Amino acid sequence: MLNQSLTELTSALDEATVGPVGGRTKRSVDIAIAVCMLVTLSPFLLLIAGLLWLLEGGPIIYRHPRIGYGGRVFNCLKFRTMCVNGDRVLEAYFQNNPAAAAEWAITRKLKTDPRVSLLGRMLRETSIDELPQLFNVIRGDMSCVGPRPITADELCRYEALVGVYLSTRPGLTGAWQVGGRNETSYAERVALDVKYVQSWSLRNDLKIIVRTPRVVVSRRGSY
């Protein structure tokens, strides 16, 4: 059913648009920023990868299927912040903590996540775990600015507005990140995404990029 719905939405978007919101201008800026950041941050990224390998073991990069432009599924890259057997740990945690299960059902986030390691928590709070998504930007899966990439089961949260989300590439940062992050409800997050897409401009993208470092340093709404 979900695959059929995604196919129908993709067909509708292909007929209504010639490409993701922002077109070639946005894409050119994305590539320029992502390449510059990767070149500049490469020693730091290698340091983080080395720490994860030494302290945590297991895979360094975590790949998770997310929904991108037009309903296409891609592997969203992150530094691994959780234990390897995270699914089993979470299931056991929910059985003993119904309040946490309810929190997850509403927000798809947990303020206290038993799967996250000490180093992983530090990476999450500073958003360093998301830096590998620069490779997603270069590959065309994502944009530097846009709605945060969502999972297939989150599409229903957008209801009739899901087409707005699917009309653009998801972003490494965006209106939600600089507008409160996890301090906002999911409905507010959807509203921020819709407003961003419907009023897109390169100027707004640059404003969000400029505001992002201050928000990351303040750690507002991050967990």
Protein backbone atom coordinates (compact mmCIF):
# COMPACT_ATOMS: atom_id res chain seq x y z
CA MET A 1 0.00 0.00 0.00
CA LEU A 2 2.77 2.43 0.95
CA ASN A 3 4.77 1.64 -2.21
CA GLN A 4 1.64 2.18 -4.30
CA SER A 5 0.98 5.54 -2.61
CA LEU A 6 4.58 6.64 -3.17
CA THR A 7 4.36 5.65 -6.84
CA GLU A 8 1.17 7.66 -7.30
CA LEU A 9 2.67 10.70 -5.56
CA THR A 10 5.84 10.45 -7.64
CA SER A 11 3.82 10.31 -10.88
CA ALA A 12 1.81 13.36 -9.86
CA LEU A 13 4.96 15.31 -9.02
CA ASP A 14 6.64 14.35 -12.31
CA GLU A 15 3.65 15.75 -14.18
CA ALA A 16 3.44 18.95 -12.10
CA THR A 17 7.12 19.89 -11.74
CA VAL A 18 10.36 19.88 -13.71
CA GLY A 19 12.53 19.19 -10.70
CA PRO A 20 13.01 19.84 -7.00
CA VAL A 21 12.24 23.26 -5.53
CA GLY A 22 15.04 25.72 -6.29
CA GLY A 23 16.12 24.02 -9.50
CA ARG A 24 19.66 24.36 -10.81
CA THR A 25 20.42 27.44 -8.72
CA LYS A 26 19.81 25.63 -5.45
CA ARG A 27 21.65 22.54 -6.68
CA SER A 28 24.73 24.53 -7.71
CA VAL A 29 24.90 26.23 -4.32
CA ASP A 30 24.44 22.86 -2.59
CA ILE A 31 27.41 21.31 -4.40
CA ALA A 32 29.66 24.32 -3.81
CA ILE A 33 28.91 24.44 -0.06
CA ALA A 34 29.14 20.66 0.45
CA VAL A 35 32.48 20.35 -1.36
CA CYS A 36 33.97 23.29 0.55
CA MET A 37 32.79 21.90 3.88
CA LEU A 38 34.09 18.40 3.16
CA VAL A 39 37.51 19.71 2.16
CA THR A 40 37.69 21.99 5.20
CA LEU A 41 36.36 19.46 7.71
CA SER A 42 38.05 16.30 6.39
CA PRO A 43 40.69 16.13 9.18
CA PHE A 44 37.95 16.55 11.81
CA LEU A 45 35.74 13.93 10.16
CA LEU A 46 38.65 11.47 10.14
CA LEU A 47 39.24 12.20 13.83
CA ILE A 48 35.61 11.44 14.70
CA ALA A 49 35.72 8.26 12.64
CA GLY A 50 38.87 7.17 14.47
CA LEU A 51 37.33 7.83 17.89
CA LEU A 52 34.23 5.82 16.99
CA TRP A 53 36.35 2.93 15.77
CA LEU A 54 38.54 2.93 18.90
CA LEU A 55 35.86 3.54 21.54
CA GLU A 56 32.73 1.95 20.10
CA GLY A 57 33.82 -0.64 17.56
CA GLY A 58 31.43 -1.82 14.88
CA PRO A 59 30.37 0.26 11.85
CA ILE A 60 31.40 3.92 11.85
CA ILE A 61 28.64 5.08 9.50
CA TYR A 62 24.96 4.37 10.05
CA ARG A 63 22.72 4.17 7.00
CA HIS A 64 18.99 4.57 7.40
CA PRO A 65 16.34 4.56 4.63
CA ARG A 66 14.64 7.93 4.26
CA ILE A 67 12.16 9.43 1.80
CA GLY A 68 13.54 12.05 -0.55
CA TYR A 69 12.35 14.11 -3.48
CA GLY A 70 9.45 12.54 -5.35
CA GLY A 71 9.16 9.70 -2.84
CA ARG A 72 12.52 8.19 -3.74
CA VAL A 73 14.13 6.16 -0.96
CA PHE A 74 17.80 6.82 -0.14
CA ASN A 75 20.23 5.86 2.60
CA CYS A 76 20.72 8.82 4.91
CA LEU A 77 24.25 8.81 6.35
CA LYS A 78 25.22 9.55 9.94
CA PHE A 79 28.07 8.80 12.27
CA ARG A 80 26.85 5.85 14.34
CA THR A 81 25.70 7.03 17.76
CA MET A 82 23.88 3.90 18.96
CA CYS A 83 24.78 0.43 20.10
CA VAL A 84 24.81 -2.21 17.38
CA ASN A 85 21.78 -4.12 18.76
CA GLY A 86 19.74 -0.92 19.10
CA ASP A 87 16.40 -2.36 17.95
CA ARG A 88 16.36 -5.04 20.64
CA VAL A 89 17.47 -2.55 23.30
CA LEU A 90 14.67 -0.15 22.34
CA GLU A 91 12.01 -2.86 22.30
CA ALA A 92 12.99 -3.98 25.80
CA TYR A 93 13.07 -0.38 27.00
CA PHE A 94 9.52 0.27 25.73
CA GLN A 95 8.21 -2.82 27.50
CA ASN A 96 9.37 -1.42 30.84
CA ASN A 97 8.69 2.27 30.07
CA PRO A 98 5.24 2.87 28.54
CA ALA A 99 5.72 6.66 28.86
CA ALA A 100 8.78 6.42 26.62
CA ALA A 101 6.81 4.33 24.12
CA ALA A 102 4.13 7.05 24.04
CA GLU A 103 6.77 9.75 23.58
CA TRP A 104 8.24 7.82 20.65
CA ALA A 105 4.82 7.36 19.05
CA ILE A 106 4.19 11.11 19.11
CA THR A 107 7.60 12.60 18.27
CA ARG A 108 9.72 9.72 16.92
CA LYS A 109 12.36 10.98 19.39
CA LEU A 110 13.40 10.12 22.93
CA LYS A 111 14.93 12.58 25.37
CA THR A 112 16.53 9.60 27.12
CA ASP A 113 17.41 7.01 24.49
CA PRO A 114 18.96 3.81 25.90
CA ARG A 115 20.55 3.00 22.55
CA VAL A 116 22.78 6.09 22.45
CA SER A 117 26.37 5.83 23.69
CA LEU A 118 28.19 8.56 25.66
CA LEU A 119 30.22 9.62 22.61
CA GLY A 120 27.09 9.29 20.49
CA ARG A 121 25.18 11.67 22.76
CA MET A 122 27.93 14.28 22.39
CA LEU A 123 27.82 13.90 18.61
CA ARG A 124 24.03 14.26 18.59
CA GLU A 125 23.90 17.29 20.87
CA THR A 126 26.35 19.12 18.59
CA SER A 127 24.82 17.70 15.35
CA ILE A 128 28.28 16.41 14.38
CA ASP A 129 26.70 13.01 13.72
CA GLU A 130 24.93 14.50 10.69
CA LEU A 131 28.05 15.77 8.89
CA PRO A 132 28.35 12.61 6.70
CA GLN A 133 25.12 13.81 5.06
CA LEU A 134 27.35 16.19 3.10
CA PHE A 135 27.97 13.14 0.90
CA ASN A 136 24.18 12.78 0.50
CA VAL A 137 24.13 16.41 -0.68
CA ILE A 138 26.83 15.80 -3.30
CA ARG A 139 25.04 12.66 -4.50
CA GLY A 140 21.81 14.62 -4.93
CA ASP A 141 19.84 12.80 -2.25
CA MET A 142 19.67 15.90 -0.08
CA SER A 143 20.11 19.66 -0.13
CA CYS A 144 22.05 21.85 2.29
CA VAL A 145 18.72 23.41 3.32
CA GLY A 146 15.29 21.79 3.37
CA PRO A 147 12.91 19.71 5.48
CA ARG A 148 14.65 17.08 7.59
CA PRO A 149 14.56 13.67 5.85
CA ILE A 150 11.76 11.50 7.16
CA THR A 151 11.05 7.79 7.28
CA ALA A 152 8.28 6.12 5.29
CA ASP A 153 6.01 5.79 8.32
CA GLU A 154 6.26 9.55 8.96
CA LEU A 155 4.71 10.47 5.61
CA CYS A 156 1.24 10.20 7.13
CA ARG A 157 2.13 13.04 9.53
CA TYR A 158 2.03 15.45 6.59
CA GLU A 159 -1.46 14.30 5.59
CA ALA A 160 -2.72 16.33 2.60
CA LEU A 161 0.53 18.35 2.59
CA VAL A 162 2.79 15.37 1.87
CA GLY A 163 3.18 16.55 -1.72
CA VAL A 164 4.87 19.71 -0.44
CA TYR A 165 7.51 17.65 1.36
CA LEU A 166 8.04 15.45 -1.70
CA SER A 167 8.51 18.46 -4.00
CA THR A 168 11.97 19.26 -2.61
CA ARG A 169 15.12 17.51 -1.47
CA PRO A 170 15.35 17.06 2.31
CA GLY A 171 17.98 19.23 3.97
CA LEU A 172 21.04 18.96 6.17
CA THR A 173 19.63 21.98 7.98
CA GLY A 174 16.36 23.84 7.64
CA ALA A 175 13.59 25.91 9.15
CA TRP A 176 12.91 23.26 11.80
CA GLN A 177 16.52 23.18 12.99
CA VAL A 178 16.74 26.94 13.45
CA GLY A 179 13.16 27.21 14.69
CA GLY A 180 13.31 25.08 17.83
CA ARG A 181 14.05 21.52 16.71
CA ASN A 182 12.73 19.03 19.27
CA GLU A 183 11.11 21.80 21.31
CA THR A 184 8.43 22.02 18.61
CA SER A 185 5.56 19.61 18.04
CA TYR A 186 5.44 17.49 14.90
CA ALA A 187 2.54 19.60 13.60
CA GLU A 188 4.68 22.72 14.04
CA ARG A 189 7.52 20.99 12.24
CA VAL A 190 5.23 20.22 9.28
CA ALA A 191 4.05 23.85 9.23
CA LEU A 192 7.65 25.08 9.15
CA ASP A 193 8.48 22.71 6.27
CA VAL A 194 5.44 23.78 4.27
CA LYS A 195 6.16 27.49 4.79
CA TYR A 196 9.79 26.97 3.76
CA VAL A 197 8.91 25.14 0.53
CA GLN A 198 6.08 27.45 -0.50
CA SER A 199 8.16 30.60 0.07
CA TRP A 200 11.52 29.24 -1.08
CA SER A 201 14.23 31.68 -2.09
CA LEU A 202 18.00 31.51 -2.21
CA ARG A 203 18.08 34.40 0.25
CA ASN A 204 16.07 32.40 2.80
CA ASP A 205 18.40 29.42 2.33
CA LEU A 206 21.44 31.57 3.06
CA LYS A 207 19.74 33.04 6.14
CA ILE A 208 19.09 29.54 7.51
CA ILE A 209 22.70 28.50 6.81
CA VAL A 210 24.02 31.57 8.64
CA ARG A 211 21.75 30.91 11.66
CA THR A 212 22.58 27.20 11.89
CA PRO A 213 26.01 27.39 13.66
CA ARG A 214 24.58 29.55 16.46
CA VAL A 215 21.72 27.09 17.00
CA VAL A 216 24.13 24.13 17.00
CA VAL A 217 26.42 25.79 19.54
CA SER A 218 23.47 26.64 21.81
CA ARG A 219 22.26 22.98 21.55
CA ARG A 220 18.69 24.25 21.66
CA GLY A 221 16.21 21.43 21.27
CA SER A 222 18.90 18.82 20.57
CA TYR A 223 18.84 15.26 21.92
